[in-house]
Amino acid sequence: MIEAVADHLEGAPRQLRRRWSDEFKAQVVTEALEPGASVSAIARRIGIHPSQLFAWRRDARAEQHCRSRHSSCASVVASVAGAVIEIAIGEMIVRAGVAVDEAQLQRVIRAVRSA
């Protein structure tokens, strides 16, 4: 029979998540995009996991792509509390209730993209 002891189950103390400024991320991503730069070495130097820096690079490239072709990029965020769907298209935001007709929403999105 195995006995569970509470302090053995709790594990290591929780650490607070670090928040990096957009300026810091941009600086690190710029460095990581230089020809011959080692993402792993840069990540190790600043104290993050390489996968985090790869994600920052991917996000920066996607954002750059959206800026160059803003009409084709839309992000969808669902808010459960207010039962509202928000769709950001460039500088415009379309808000619709979750019960909205799909065909009507498509027409509105097309109209906003062509504006």
C-alpha atoms as a PDB file:
ATOM      1  CA  MET A   1       0.000   0.000   0.000  1.00  0.00           C
ATOM      2  CA  ILE A   2       1.250   3.473  -0.938  1.00  0.00           C
ATOM      3  CA  GLU A   3       0.548   6.430   1.291  1.00  0.00           C
ATOM      4  CA  ALA A   4       0.282   9.891  -0.178  1.00  0.00           C
ATOM      5  CA  VAL A   5       1.890  12.686   1.766  1.00  0.00           C
ATOM      6  CA  ALA A   6       0.566  16.163   0.915  1.00  0.00           C
ATOM      7  CA  ASP A   7       3.895  18.024   0.765  1.00  0.00           C
ATOM      8  CA  HIS A   8       5.284  15.445  -1.679  1.00  0.00           C
ATOM      9  CA  LEU A   9       2.378  16.012  -4.075  1.00  0.00           C
ATOM     10  CA  GLU A  10       2.553  19.785  -4.242  1.00  0.00           C
ATOM     11  CA  GLY A  11       5.803  19.895  -6.194  1.00  0.00           C
ATOM     12  CA  ALA A  12       7.920  22.936  -6.855  1.00  0.00           C
ATOM     13  CA  PRO A  13       6.618  26.380  -5.990  1.00  0.00           C
ATOM     14  CA  ARG A  14       4.819  28.155  -8.797  1.00  0.00           C
ATOM     15  CA  GLN A  15       6.739  30.807 -10.672  1.00  0.00           C
ATOM     16  CA  LEU A  16       5.132  33.923 -12.032  1.00  0.00           C
ATOM     17  CA  ARG A  17       4.956  34.199 -15.799  1.00  0.00           C
ATOM     18  CA  ARG A  18       7.353  36.694 -17.261  1.00  0.00           C
ATOM     19  CA  ARG A  19       5.949  39.371 -19.525  1.00  0.00           C
ATOM     20  CA  TRP A  20       8.163  40.650 -22.314  1.00  0.00           C
ATOM     21  CA  SER A  21       7.560  44.065 -23.853  1.00  0.00           C
ATOM     22  CA  ASP A  22       6.745  44.276 -27.548  1.00  0.00           C
ATOM     23  CA  GLU A  23       9.895  46.369 -28.045  1.00  0.00           C
ATOM     24  CA  PHE A  24      12.075  43.684 -26.439  1.00  0.00           C
ATOM     25  CA  LYS A  25      10.457  40.943 -28.542  1.00  0.00           C
ATOM     26  CA  ALA A  26      10.967  42.980 -31.722  1.00  0.00           C
ATOM     27  CA  GLN A  27      14.628  43.542 -30.886  1.00  0.00           C
ATOM     28  CA  VAL A  28      15.245  39.839 -30.186  1.00  0.00           C
ATOM     29  CA  VAL A  29      13.312  38.732 -33.283  1.00  0.00           C
ATOM     30  CA  THR A  30      15.302  41.146 -35.445  1.00  0.00           C
ATOM     31  CA  GLU A  31      18.506  39.643 -34.063  1.00  0.00           C
ATOM     32  CA  ALA A  32      17.214  36.097 -34.640  1.00  0.00           C
ATOM     33  CA  LEU A  33      16.328  36.889 -38.263  1.00  0.00           C
ATOM     34  CA  GLU A  34      19.877  37.975 -39.106  1.00  0.00           C
ATOM     35  CA  PRO A  35      21.641  35.604 -41.534  1.00  0.00           C
ATOM     36  CA  GLY A  36      23.628  32.987 -39.623  1.00  0.00           C
ATOM     37  CA  ALA A  37      22.014  33.810 -36.262  1.00  0.00           C
ATOM     38  CA  SER A  38      21.456  30.893 -33.888  1.00  0.00           C
ATOM     39  CA  VAL A  39      17.974  31.001 -32.375  1.00  0.00           C
ATOM     40  CA  SER A  40      19.012  28.536 -29.675  1.00  0.00           C
ATOM     41  CA  ALA A  41      22.048  30.610 -28.660  1.00  0.00           C
ATOM     42  CA  ILE A  42      20.014  33.832 -28.548  1.00  0.00           C
ATOM     43  CA  ALA A  43      17.255  32.141 -26.515  1.00  0.00           C
ATOM     44  CA  ARG A  44      19.794  30.686 -24.094  1.00  0.00           C
ATOM     45  CA  ARG A  45      21.448  34.081 -23.656  1.00  0.00           C
ATOM     46  CA  ILE A  46      18.186  35.832 -22.704  1.00  0.00           C
ATOM     47  CA  GLY A  47      16.893  32.922 -20.624  1.00  0.00           C
ATOM     48  CA  ILE A  48      13.975  31.587 -22.634  1.00  0.00           C
ATOM     49  CA  HIS A  49      13.272  28.282 -24.365  1.00  0.00           C
ATOM     50  CA  PRO A  50      14.125  28.284 -28.089  1.00  0.00           C
ATOM     51  CA  SER A  51      10.540  27.323 -28.957  1.00  0.00           C
ATOM     52  CA  GLN A  52       9.391  30.631 -27.429  1.00  0.00           C
ATOM     53  CA  LEU A  53      11.707  32.581 -29.718  1.00  0.00           C
ATOM     54  CA  PHE A  54      10.603  30.529 -32.722  1.00  0.00           C
ATOM     55  CA  ALA A  55       6.981  31.427 -31.819  1.00  0.00           C
ATOM     56  CA  TRP A  56       7.879  35.126 -31.569  1.00  0.00           C
ATOM     57  CA  ARG A  57       9.510  34.916 -35.019  1.00  0.00           C
ATOM     58  CA  ARG A  58       6.474  33.141 -36.481  1.00  0.00           C
ATOM     59  CA  ASP A  59       4.122  35.745 -34.979  1.00  0.00           C
ATOM     60  CA  ALA A  60       6.264  38.622 -36.292  1.00  0.00           C
ATOM     61  CA  ARG A  61       6.274  37.148 -39.794  1.00  0.00           C
ATOM     62  CA  ALA A  62       2.497  36.623 -39.693  1.00  0.00           C
ATOM     63  CA  GLU A  63       1.950  40.189 -38.480  1.00  0.00           C
ATOM     64  CA  GLN A  64       4.213  41.517 -41.221  1.00  0.00           C
ATOM     65  CA  HIS A  65       2.287  39.458 -43.766  1.00  0.00           C
ATOM     66  CA  CYS A  66      -1.018  40.845 -42.472  1.00  0.00           C
ATOM     67  CA  ARG A  67       0.254  44.409 -42.727  1.00  0.00           C
ATOM     68  CA  SER A  68       1.253  43.875 -46.332  1.00  0.00           C
ATOM     69  CA  ARG A  69      -2.071  42.172 -47.213  1.00  0.00           C
ATOM     70  CA  HIS A  70      -4.367  43.456 -44.441  1.00  0.00           C
ATOM     71  CA  SER A  71      -7.586  42.751 -46.327  1.00  0.00           C
ATOM     72  CA  SER A  72      -6.978  38.995 -46.295  1.00  0.00           C
ATOM     73  CA  CYS A  73      -6.132  38.728 -42.604  1.00  0.00           C
ATOM     74  CA  ALA A  74      -8.823  38.394 -39.990  1.00  0.00           C
ATOM     75  CA  SER A  75      -8.593  37.220 -36.433  1.00  0.00           C
ATOM     76  CA  VAL A  76     -11.558  35.749 -34.637  1.00  0.00           C
ATOM     77  CA  VAL A  77     -12.036  36.047 -30.885  1.00  0.00           C
ATOM     78  CA  ALA A  78     -15.073  34.571 -29.182  1.00  0.00           C
ATOM     79  CA  SER A  79     -16.285  36.076 -25.934  1.00  0.00           C
ATOM     80  CA  VAL A  80     -18.376  33.526 -24.082  1.00  0.00           C
ATOM     81  CA  ALA A  81     -19.469  35.871 -21.313  1.00  0.00           C
ATOM     82  CA  GLY A  82     -21.121  38.341 -23.692  1.00  0.00           C
ATOM     83  CA  ALA A  83     -22.024  35.705 -26.306  1.00  0.00           C
ATOM     84  CA  VAL A  84     -20.359  37.885 -28.950  1.00  0.00           C
ATOM     85  CA  ILE A  85     -17.976  37.034 -31.763  1.00  0.00           C
ATOM     86  CA  GLU A  86     -15.426  39.711 -32.650  1.00  0.00           C
ATOM     87  CA  ILE A  87     -13.720  39.669 -36.026  1.00  0.00           C
ATOM     88  CA  ALA A  88     -10.849  42.120 -36.559  1.00  0.00           C
ATOM     89  CA  ILE A  89     -10.211  42.955 -40.204  1.00  0.00           C
ATOM     90  CA  GLY A  90      -7.404  45.467 -40.513  1.00  0.00           C
ATOM     91  CA  GLU A  91      -8.488  48.465 -38.454  1.00  0.00           C
ATOM     92  CA  MET A  92     -12.161  47.461 -38.373  1.00  0.00           C
ATOM     93  CA  ILE A  93     -13.898  45.214 -35.849  1.00  0.00           C
ATOM     94  CA  VAL A  94     -17.128  43.381 -36.636  1.00  0.00           C
ATOM     95  CA  ARG A  95     -19.121  42.225 -33.607  1.00  0.00           C
ATOM     96  CA  ALA A  96     -21.942  39.735 -33.970  1.00  0.00           C
ATOM     97  CA  GLY A  97     -24.067  37.733 -31.577  1.00  0.00           C
ATOM     98  CA  VAL A  98     -23.436  34.006 -31.645  1.00  0.00           C
ATOM     99  CA  ALA A  99     -26.940  33.443 -33.012  1.00  0.00           C
ATOM    100  CA  VAL A 100     -26.268  35.503 -36.170  1.00  0.00           C
ATOM    101  CA  ASP A 101     -27.016  33.827 -39.500  1.00  0.00           C
ATOM    102  CA  GLU A 102     -23.777  32.563 -41.082  1.00  0.00           C
ATOM    103  CA  ALA A 103     -24.691  33.798 -44.577  1.00  0.00           C
ATOM    104  CA  GLN A 104     -25.434  37.291 -43.250  1.00  0.00           C
ATOM    105  CA  LEU A 105     -22.128  37.372 -41.359  1.00  0.00           C
ATOM    106  CA  GLN A 106     -20.258  36.337 -44.519  1.00  0.00           C
ATOM    107  CA  ARG A 107     -21.899  39.198 -46.443  1.00  0.00           C
ATOM    108  CA  VAL A 108     -20.895  41.690 -43.765  1.00  0.00           C
ATOM    109  CA  ILE A 109     -17.287  40.415 -43.727  1.00  0.00           C
ATOM    110  CA  ARG A 110     -17.053  40.664 -47.531  1.00  0.00           C
ATOM    111  CA  ALA A 111     -18.424  44.225 -47.395  1.00  0.00           C
ATOM    112  CA  VAL A 112     -15.908  45.251 -44.717  1.00  0.00           C
ATOM    113  CA  ARG A 113     -12.988  43.692 -46.621  1.00  0.00           C
ATOM    114  CA  SER A 114     -13.910  45.530 -49.829  1.00  0.00           C
ATOM    115  CA  ALA A 115     -14.268  48.888 -48.034  1.00  0.00           C
END
